[in-house]
């Protein structure tokens, strides 16, 4: 069973250039392997994105939610979920 569903993998494939200068994956399988290798995290809400970065030591209070959600490593899947890819 996939850790990331097809919607997440397709979104990452379509938008991977927001974080990387060139494509790192061409297929769903390659996208999944890449995301697993870099320990990407799928969270269920913007609040969970904020919690994730706060746990990682980022000062999310001074950055603000809009700035954090606009970070290149945060992918807004469009259904309330966010993919966080720290490469």
PDB file of N, CA and C in Angstrom:
ATOM      1  N   UNK A   1       0.833  -1.192   0.000  1.00  0.00           N
ATOM      2  CA  UNK A   1       0.000   0.000   0.000  1.00  0.00           C
ATOM      3  C   UNK A   1       0.874   1.250   0.000  1.00  0.00           C
ATOM      4  N   UNK A   2       0.455   2.227  -0.733  1.00  0.00           N
ATOM      5  CA  UNK A   2       1.221   3.473  -0.825  1.00  0.00           C
ATOM      6  C   UNK A   2       1.068   4.329   0.414  1.00  0.00           C
ATOM      7  N   UNK A   3       2.162   4.952   0.789  1.00  0.00           N
ATOM      8  CA  UNK A   3       2.117   5.904   1.905  1.00  0.00           C
ATOM      9  C   UNK A   3       1.426   7.188   1.453  1.00  0.00           C
ATOM     10  N   UNK A   4       1.639   7.550   0.201  1.00  0.00           N
ATOM     11  CA  UNK A   4       1.052   8.756  -0.376  1.00  0.00           C
ATOM     12  C   UNK A   4       0.065   8.317  -1.453  1.00  0.00           C
ATOM     13  N   UNK A   5      -1.149   8.884  -1.435  1.00  0.00           N
ATOM     14  CA  UNK A   5      -2.136   8.498  -2.439  1.00  0.00           C
ATOM     15  C   UNK A   5      -1.835   9.175  -3.781  1.00  0.00           C
ATOM     16  N   UNK A   6      -2.529   8.727  -4.816  1.00  0.00           N
ATOM     17  CA  UNK A   6      -2.264   9.228  -6.168  1.00  0.00           C
ATOM     18  C   UNK A   6      -2.438  10.738  -6.276  1.00  0.00           C
ATOM     19  N   UNK A   7      -3.421  11.306  -5.574  1.00  0.00           N
ATOM     20  CA  UNK A   7      -3.634  12.755  -5.648  1.00  0.00           C
ATOM     21  C   UNK A   7      -2.396  13.502  -5.157  1.00  0.00           C
ATOM     22  N   UNK A   8      -1.821  13.045  -4.058  1.00  0.00           N
ATOM     23  CA  UNK A   8      -0.631  13.677  -3.502  1.00  0.00           C
ATOM     24  C   UNK A   8       0.547  13.521  -4.463  1.00  0.00           C
ATOM     25  N   UNK A   9       0.731  12.312  -4.972  1.00  0.00           N
ATOM     26  CA  UNK A   9       1.854  12.055  -5.884  1.00  0.00           C
ATOM     27  C   UNK A   9       1.713  12.857  -7.175  1.00  0.00           C
ATOM     28  N   UNK A  10       0.516  12.931  -7.718  1.00  0.00           N
ATOM     29  CA  UNK A  10       0.299  13.707  -8.947  1.00  0.00           C
ATOM     30  C   UNK A  10       0.541  15.194  -8.696  1.00  0.00           C
ATOM     31  N   UNK A  11       0.086  15.694  -7.551  1.00  0.00           N
ATOM     32  CA  UNK A  11       0.315  17.097  -7.228  1.00  0.00           C
ATOM     33  C   UNK A  11       1.815  17.374  -7.131  1.00  0.00           C
ATOM     34  N   UNK A  12       2.529  16.497  -6.455  1.00  0.00           N
ATOM     35  CA  UNK A  12       3.976  16.682  -6.339  1.00  0.00           C
ATOM     36  C   UNK A  12       4.633  16.663  -7.722  1.00  0.00           C
ATOM     37  N   UNK A  13       4.260  15.701  -8.565  1.00  0.00           N
ATOM     38  CA  UNK A  13       4.841  15.639  -9.913  1.00  0.00           C
ATOM     39  C   UNK A  13       4.593  16.929 -10.677  1.00  0.00           C
ATOM     40  N   UNK A  14       3.382  17.460 -10.592  1.00  0.00           N
ATOM     41  CA  UNK A  14       3.016  18.669 -11.328  1.00  0.00           C
ATOM     42  C   UNK A  14       3.676  19.923 -10.768  1.00  0.00           C
ATOM     43  N   UNK A  15       4.059  19.907  -9.502  1.00  0.00           N
ATOM     44  CA  UNK A  15       4.541  21.119  -8.842  1.00  0.00           C
ATOM     45  C   UNK A  15       5.940  21.007  -8.241  1.00  0.00           C
ATOM     46  N   UNK A  16       6.668  19.954  -8.581  1.00  0.00           N
ATOM     47  CA  UNK A  16       7.981  19.737  -7.966  1.00  0.00           C
ATOM     48  C   UNK A  16       8.982  20.850  -8.245  1.00  0.00           C
ATOM     49  N   UNK A  17       8.777  21.592  -9.313  1.00  0.00           N
ATOM     50  CA  UNK A  17       9.722  22.658  -9.648  1.00  0.00           C
ATOM     51  C   UNK A  17       9.609  23.858  -8.712  1.00  0.00           C
ATOM     52  N   UNK A  18       8.587  23.885  -7.838  1.00  0.00           N
ATOM     53  CA  UNK A  18       8.521  24.970  -6.846  1.00  0.00           C
ATOM     54  C   UNK A  18       9.644  24.830  -5.821  1.00  0.00           C
ATOM     55  N   UNK A  19      10.193  23.624  -5.696  1.00  0.00           N
ATOM     56  CA  UNK A  19      11.256  23.382  -4.721  1.00  0.00           C
ATOM     57  C   UNK A  19      12.592  23.035  -5.364  1.00  0.00           C
ATOM     58  N   UNK A  20      12.540  22.388  -6.512  1.00  0.00           N
ATOM     59  CA  UNK A  20      13.767  21.900  -7.155  1.00  0.00           C
ATOM     60  C   UNK A  20      13.988  22.582  -8.496  1.00  0.00           C
ATOM     61  N   UNK A  21      15.261  22.805  -8.873  1.00  0.00           N
ATOM     62  CA  UNK A  21      15.549  23.471 -10.144  1.00  0.00           C
ATOM     63  C   UNK A  21      15.242  22.600 -11.365  1.00  0.00           C
ATOM     64  N   UNK A  22      15.191  21.291 -11.161  1.00  0.00           N
ATOM     65  CA  UNK A  22      14.828  20.379 -12.247  1.00  0.00           C
ATOM     66  C   UNK A  22      14.030  19.232 -11.662  1.00  0.00           C
ATOM     67  N   UNK A  23      13.313  18.532 -12.512  1.00  0.00           N
ATOM     68  CA  UNK A  23      12.451  17.454 -12.042  1.00  0.00           C
ATOM     69  C   UNK A  23      13.254  16.347 -11.367  1.00  0.00           C
ATOM     70  N   UNK A  24      12.708  15.849 -10.269  1.00  0.00           N
ATOM     71  CA  UNK A  24      13.336  14.750  -9.546  1.00  0.00           C
ATOM     72  C   UNK A  24      12.587  13.443  -9.771  1.00  0.00           C
ATOM     73  N   UNK A  25      11.400  13.531 -10.399  1.00  0.00           N
ATOM     74  CA  UNK A  25      10.597  12.339 -10.656  1.00  0.00           C
ATOM     75  C   UNK A  25       9.736  12.555 -11.893  1.00  0.00           C
ATOM     76  N   UNK A  26       9.491  11.463 -12.615  1.00  0.00           N
ATOM     77  CA  UNK A  26       8.669  11.515 -13.821  1.00  0.00           C
ATOM     78  C   UNK A  26       7.389  10.695 -13.701  1.00  0.00           C
ATOM     79  N   UNK A  27       7.387   9.695 -12.811  1.00  0.00           N
ATOM     80  CA  UNK A  27       6.240   8.798 -12.668  1.00  0.00           C
ATOM     81  C   UNK A  27       5.758   8.804 -11.216  1.00  0.00           C
ATOM     82  N   UNK A  28       4.571   8.267 -10.998  1.00  0.00           N
ATOM     83  CA  UNK A  28       4.049   8.173  -9.629  1.00  0.00           C
ATOM     84  C   UNK A  28       4.973   7.346  -8.749  1.00  0.00           C
ATOM     85  N   UNK A  29       5.489   6.235  -9.276  1.00  0.00           N
ATOM     86  CA  UNK A  29       6.396   5.395  -8.497  1.00  0.00           C
ATOM     87  C   UNK A  29       7.681   6.129  -8.139  1.00  0.00           C
ATOM     88  N   UNK A  30       8.235   6.868  -9.089  1.00  0.00           N
ATOM     89  CA  UNK A  30       9.448   7.646  -8.814  1.00  0.00           C
ATOM     90  C   UNK A  30       9.166   8.742  -7.789  1.00  0.00           C
ATOM     91  N   UNK A  31       8.010   9.375  -7.896  1.00  0.00           N
ATOM     92  CA  UNK A  31       7.638  10.425  -6.938  1.00  0.00           C
ATOM     93  C   UNK A  31       7.519   9.839  -5.539  1.00  0.00           C
ATOM     94  N   UNK A  32       6.853   8.687  -5.439  1.00  0.00           N
ATOM     95  CA  UNK A  32       6.695   8.062  -4.135  1.00  0.00           C
ATOM     96  C   UNK A  32       8.047   7.671  -3.539  1.00  0.00           C
ATOM     97  N   UNK A  33       8.901   7.093  -4.360  1.00  0.00           N
ATOM     98  CA  UNK A  33      10.231   6.695  -3.876  1.00  0.00           C
ATOM     99  C   UNK A  33      11.021   7.911  -3.409  1.00  0.00           C
ATOM    100  N   UNK A  34      10.973   8.987  -4.178  1.00  0.00           N
ATOM    101  CA  UNK A  34      11.692  10.201  -3.800  1.00  0.00           C
ATOM    102  C   UNK A  34      11.158  10.754  -2.473  1.00  0.00           C
ATOM    103  N   UNK A  35       9.830  10.839  -2.356  1.00  0.00           N
ATOM    104  CA  UNK A  35       9.236  11.391  -1.141  1.00  0.00           C
ATOM    105  C   UNK A  35       9.550  10.538   0.079  1.00  0.00           C
ATOM    106  N   UNK A  36       9.561   9.229  -0.098  1.00  0.00           N
ATOM    107  CA  UNK A  36       9.928   8.346   1.006  1.00  0.00           C
ATOM    108  C   UNK A  36      11.395   8.518   1.376  1.00  0.00           C
ATOM    109  N   UNK A  37      12.267   8.630   0.359  1.00  0.00           N
ATOM    110  CA  UNK A  37      13.706   8.786   0.613  1.00  0.00           C
ATOM    111  C   UNK A  37      14.021  10.065   1.382  1.00  0.00           C
ATOM    112  N   UNK A  38      13.302  11.141   1.084  1.00  0.00           N
ATOM    113  CA  UNK A  38      13.597  12.400   1.783  1.00  0.00           C
ATOM    114  C   UNK A  38      12.676  12.597   2.982  1.00  0.00           C
ATOM    115  N   UNK A  39      11.965  11.543   3.353  1.00  0.00           N
ATOM    116  CA  UNK A  39      11.105  11.541   4.530  1.00  0.00           C
ATOM    117  C   UNK A  39      10.097  12.687   4.524  1.00  0.00           C
ATOM    118  N   UNK A  40       9.447  12.879   3.380  1.00  0.00           N
ATOM    119  CA  UNK A  40       8.395  13.881   3.280  1.00  0.00           C
ATOM    120  C   UNK A  40       7.261  13.517   4.230  1.00  0.00           C
ATOM    121  N   UNK A  41       6.532  14.531   4.664  1.00  0.00           N
ATOM    122  CA  UNK A  41       5.460  14.351   5.633  1.00  0.00           C
ATOM    123  C   UNK A  41       4.163  14.893   5.039  1.00  0.00           C
ATOM    124  N   UNK A  42       3.102  14.114   5.161  1.00  0.00           N
ATOM    125  CA  UNK A  42       1.779  14.546   4.740  1.00  0.00           C
ATOM    126  C   UNK A  42       0.978  14.868   5.992  1.00  0.00           C
ATOM    127  N   UNK A  43       0.480  16.110   6.079  1.00  0.00           N
ATOM    128  CA  UNK A  43      -0.314  16.516   7.238  1.00  0.00           C
ATOM    129  C   UNK A  43      -1.717  16.900   6.783  1.00  0.00           C
ATOM    130  N   UNK A  44      -2.621  16.931   7.741  1.00  0.00           N
ATOM    131  CA  UNK A  44      -4.049  17.080   7.433  1.00  0.00           C
ATOM    132  C   UNK A  44      -4.570  18.509   7.474  1.00  0.00           C
ATOM    133  N   UNK A  45      -3.743  19.474   7.912  1.00  0.00           N
ATOM    134  CA  UNK A  45      -4.244  20.842   8.022  1.00  0.00           C
ATOM    135  C   UNK A  45      -3.091  21.843   8.099  1.00  0.00           C
ATOM    136  N   UNK A  46      -3.451  23.126   7.922  1.00  0.00           N
ATOM    137  CA  UNK A  46      -2.459  24.193   8.063  1.00  0.00           C
ATOM    138  C   UNK A  46      -1.919  24.237   9.487  1.00  0.00           C
ATOM    139  N   UNK A  47      -2.774  23.942  10.464  1.00  0.00           N
ATOM    140  CA  UNK A  47      -2.308  23.913  11.857  1.00  0.00           C
ATOM    141  C   UNK A  47      -1.228  22.861  12.050  1.00  0.00           C
ATOM    142  N   UNK A  48      -1.384  21.711  11.394  1.00  0.00           N
ATOM    143  CA  UNK A  48      -0.374  20.659  11.509  1.00  0.00           C
ATOM    144  C   UNK A  48       0.932  21.062  10.828  1.00  0.00           C
ATOM    145  N   UNK A  49       0.849  21.866   9.761  1.00  0.00           N
ATOM    146  CA  UNK A  49       2.067  22.396   9.133  1.00  0.00           C
ATOM    147  C   UNK A  49       2.797  23.268  10.140  1.00  0.00           C
ATOM    148  N   UNK A  50       2.055  24.145  10.794  1.00  0.00           N
ATOM    149  CA  UNK A  50       2.661  25.036  11.789  1.00  0.00           C
ATOM    150  C   UNK A  50       3.284  24.217  12.926  1.00  0.00           C
ATOM    151  N   UNK A  51       2.554  23.209  13.406  1.00  0.00           N
ATOM    152  CA  UNK A  51       3.085  22.350  14.482  1.00  0.00           C
ATOM    153  C   UNK A  51       4.365  21.662  14.038  1.00  0.00           C
ATOM    154  N   UNK A  52       4.390  21.168  12.796  1.00  0.00           N
ATOM    155  CA  UNK A  52       5.568  20.468  12.271  1.00  0.00           C
ATOM    156  C   UNK A  52       6.796  21.386  12.315  1.00  0.00           C
ATOM    157  N   UNK A  53       6.650  22.592  11.775  1.00  0.00           N
ATOM    158  CA  UNK A  53       7.800  23.495  11.722  1.00  0.00           C
ATOM    159  C   UNK A  53       8.194  23.989  13.113  1.00  0.00           C
ATOM    160  N   UNK A  54       7.222  24.148  13.989  1.00  0.00           N
ATOM    161  CA  UNK A  54       7.550  24.537  15.358  1.00  0.00           C
ATOM    162  C   UNK A  54       8.371  23.435  16.032  1.00  0.00           C
ATOM    163  N   UNK A  55       7.973  22.184  15.836  1.00  0.00           N
ATOM    164  CA  UNK A  55       8.739  21.056  16.391  1.00  0.00           C
ATOM    165  C   UNK A  55      10.137  20.974  15.797  1.00  0.00           C
ATOM    166  N   UNK A  56      10.297  21.443  14.556  1.00  0.00           N
ATOM    167  CA  UNK A  56      11.613  21.440  13.905  1.00  0.00           C
ATOM    168  C   UNK A  56      12.474  22.625  14.338  1.00  0.00           C
ATOM    169  N   UNK A  57      11.927  23.486  15.194  1.00  0.00           N
ATOM    170  CA  UNK A  57      12.710  24.593  15.727  1.00  0.00           C
ATOM    171  C   UNK A  57      12.525  25.913  15.012  1.00  0.00           C
ATOM    172  N   UNK A  58      11.611  25.989  14.067  1.00  0.00           N
ATOM    173  CA  UNK A  58      11.364  27.246  13.356  1.00  0.00           C
ATOM    174  C   UNK A  58      10.506  28.161  14.224  1.00  0.00           C
ATOM    175  N   UNK A  59      10.802  29.442  14.211  1.00  0.00           N
ATOM    176  CA  UNK A  59      10.009  30.417  14.959  1.00  0.00           C
ATOM    177  C   UNK A  59       8.771  30.764  14.124  1.00  0.00           C
ATOM    178  N   UNK A  60       7.749  29.926  14.234  1.00  0.00           N
ATOM    179  CA  UNK A  60       6.551  30.117  13.404  1.00  0.00           C
ATOM    180  C   UNK A  60       5.722  31.307  13.868  1.00  0.00           C
ATOM    181  N   UNK A  61       5.907  31.740  15.115  1.00  0.00           N
ATOM    182  CA  UNK A  61       5.140  32.891  15.610  1.00  0.00           C
ATOM    183  C   UNK A  61       5.547  34.169  14.878  1.00  0.00           C
ATOM    184  N   UNK A  62       6.840  34.365  14.678  1.00  0.00           N
ATOM    185  CA  UNK A  62       7.285  35.578  13.992  1.00  0.00           C
ATOM    186  C   UNK A  62       7.131  35.455  12.482  1.00  0.00           C
ATOM    187  N   UNK A  63       7.207  34.236  11.960  1.00  0.00           N
ATOM    188  CA  UNK A  63       7.049  34.042  10.520  1.00  0.00           C
ATOM    189  C   UNK A  63       5.599  34.220  10.107  1.00  0.00           C
ATOM    190  N   UNK A  64       4.671  33.693  10.876  1.00  0.00           N
ATOM    191  CA  UNK A  64       3.265  33.794  10.531  1.00  0.00           C
ATOM    192  C   UNK A  64       2.830  32.657   9.622  1.00  0.00           C
ATOM    193  N   UNK A  65       1.550  32.302   9.728  1.00  0.00           N
ATOM    194  CA  UNK A  65       1.030  31.165   8.977  1.00  0.00           C
ATOM    195  C   UNK A  65       1.152  31.345   7.468  1.00  0.00           C
ATOM    196  N   UNK A  66       0.834  32.535   6.947  1.00  0.00           N
ATOM    197  CA  UNK A  66       0.904  32.751   5.498  1.00  0.00           C
ATOM    198  C   UNK A  66       2.305  32.521   4.959  1.00  0.00           C
ATOM    199  N   UNK A  67       3.301  33.015   5.684  1.00  0.00           N
ATOM    200  CA  UNK A  67       4.690  32.850   5.250  1.00  0.00           C
ATOM    201  C   UNK A  67       5.108  31.383   5.294  1.00  0.00           C
ATOM    202  N   UNK A  68       4.719  30.682   6.354  1.00  0.00           N
ATOM    203  CA  UNK A  68       5.073  29.270   6.478  1.00  0.00           C
ATOM    204  C   UNK A  68       4.408  28.460   5.370  1.00  0.00           C
ATOM    205  N   UNK A  69       3.132  28.690   5.125  1.00  0.00           N
ATOM    206  CA  UNK A  69       2.414  27.935   4.091  1.00  0.00           C
ATOM    207  C   UNK A  69       2.904  28.261   2.691  1.00  0.00           C
ATOM    208  N   UNK A  70       3.526  29.431   2.513  1.00  0.00           N
ATOM    209  CA  UNK A  70       4.057  29.824   1.204  1.00  0.00           C
ATOM    210  C   UNK A  70       5.481  29.317   0.974  1.00  0.00           C
ATOM    211  N   UNK A  71       6.078  28.672   1.977  1.00  0.00           N
ATOM    212  CA  UNK A  71       7.446  28.162   1.847  1.00  0.00           C
ATOM    213  C   UNK A  71       7.525  27.159   0.700  1.00  0.00           C
ATOM    214  N   UNK A  72       8.650  27.145   0.011  1.00  0.00           N
ATOM    215  CA  UNK A  72       8.792  26.271  -1.164  1.00  0.00           C
ATOM    216  C   UNK A  72       8.694  24.798  -0.817  1.00  0.00           C
ATOM    217  N   UNK A  73       8.973  24.441   0.438  1.00  0.00           N
ATOM    218  CA  UNK A  73       8.901  23.018   0.802  1.00  0.00           C
ATOM    219  C   UNK A  73       7.508  22.576   1.234  1.00  0.00           C
ATOM    220  N   UNK A  74       6.537  23.496   1.203  1.00  0.00           N
ATOM    221  CA  UNK A  74       5.155  23.174   1.577  1.00  0.00           C
ATOM    222  C   UNK A  74       4.298  23.143   0.314  1.00  0.00           C
ATOM    223  N   UNK A  75       3.697  21.998   0.068  1.00  0.00           N
ATOM    224  CA  UNK A  75       2.847  21.802  -1.099  1.00  0.00           C
ATOM    225  C   UNK A  75       1.393  21.696  -0.641  1.00  0.00           C
ATOM    226  N   UNK A  76       0.560  22.646  -1.046  1.00  0.00           N
ATOM    227  CA  UNK A  76      -0.859  22.656  -0.697  1.00  0.00           C
ATOM    228  C   UNK A  76      -1.593  21.741  -1.674  1.00  0.00           C
ATOM    229  N   UNK A  77      -1.997  20.571  -1.215  1.00  0.00           N
ATOM    230  CA  UNK A  77      -2.615  19.572  -2.081  1.00  0.00           C
ATOM    231  C   UNK A  77      -3.963  20.063  -2.603  1.00  0.00           C
ATOM    232  N   UNK A  78      -4.607  20.973  -1.884  1.00  0.00           N
ATOM    233  CA  UNK A  78      -5.860  21.547  -2.358  1.00  0.00           C
ATOM    234  C   UNK A  78      -7.100  20.931  -1.727  1.00  0.00           C
ATOM    235  N   UNK A  79      -6.905  19.943  -0.884  1.00  0.00           N
ATOM    236  CA  UNK A  79      -8.050  19.310  -0.221  1.00  0.00           C
ATOM    237  C   UNK A  79      -7.932  19.433   1.299  1.00  0.00           C
ATOM    238  N   UNK A  80      -7.143  20.425   1.742  1.00  0.00           N
ATOM    239  CA  UNK A  80      -6.930  20.623   3.171  1.00  0.00           C
ATOM    240  C   UNK A  80      -5.635  20.010   3.670  1.00  0.00           C
ATOM    241  N   UNK A  81      -5.051  19.113   2.863  1.00  0.00           N
ATOM    242  CA  UNK A  81      -3.800  18.458   3.258  1.00  0.00           C
ATOM    243  C   UNK A  81      -2.605  19.213   2.672  1.00  0.00           C
ATOM    244  N   UNK A  82      -1.483  19.029   3.334  1.00  0.00           N
ATOM    245  CA  UNK A  82      -0.225  19.652   2.903  1.00  0.00           C
ATOM    246  C   UNK A  82       0.876  18.601   2.916  1.00  0.00           C
ATOM    247  N   UNK A  83       1.715  18.658   1.883  1.00  0.00           N
ATOM    248  CA  UNK A  83       2.888  17.806   1.801  1.00  0.00           C
ATOM    249  C   UNK A  83       4.091  18.675   2.132  1.00  0.00           C
ATOM    250  N   UNK A  84       4.899  18.216   3.080  1.00  0.00           N
ATOM    251  CA  UNK A  84       6.105  18.957   3.472  1.00  0.00           C
ATOM    252  C   UNK A  84       7.311  18.146   3.009  1.00  0.00           C
ATOM    253  N   UNK A  85       8.119  18.766   2.146  1.00  0.00           N
ATOM    254  CA  UNK A  85       9.281  18.084   1.555  1.00  0.00           C
ATOM    255  C   UNK A  85      10.516  18.898   1.904  1.00  0.00           C
ATOM    256  N   UNK A  86      11.310  18.387   2.819  1.00  0.00           N
ATOM    257  CA  UNK A  86      12.557  19.059   3.169  1.00  0.00           C
ATOM    258  C   UNK A  86      13.692  18.307   2.505  1.00  0.00           C
ATOM    259  N   UNK A  87      14.218  18.911   1.460  1.00  0.00           N
ATOM    260  CA  UNK A  87      15.276  18.254   0.688  1.00  0.00           C
ATOM    261  C   UNK A  87      16.630  18.855   0.978  1.00  0.00           C
TER     262      UNK A  87
END
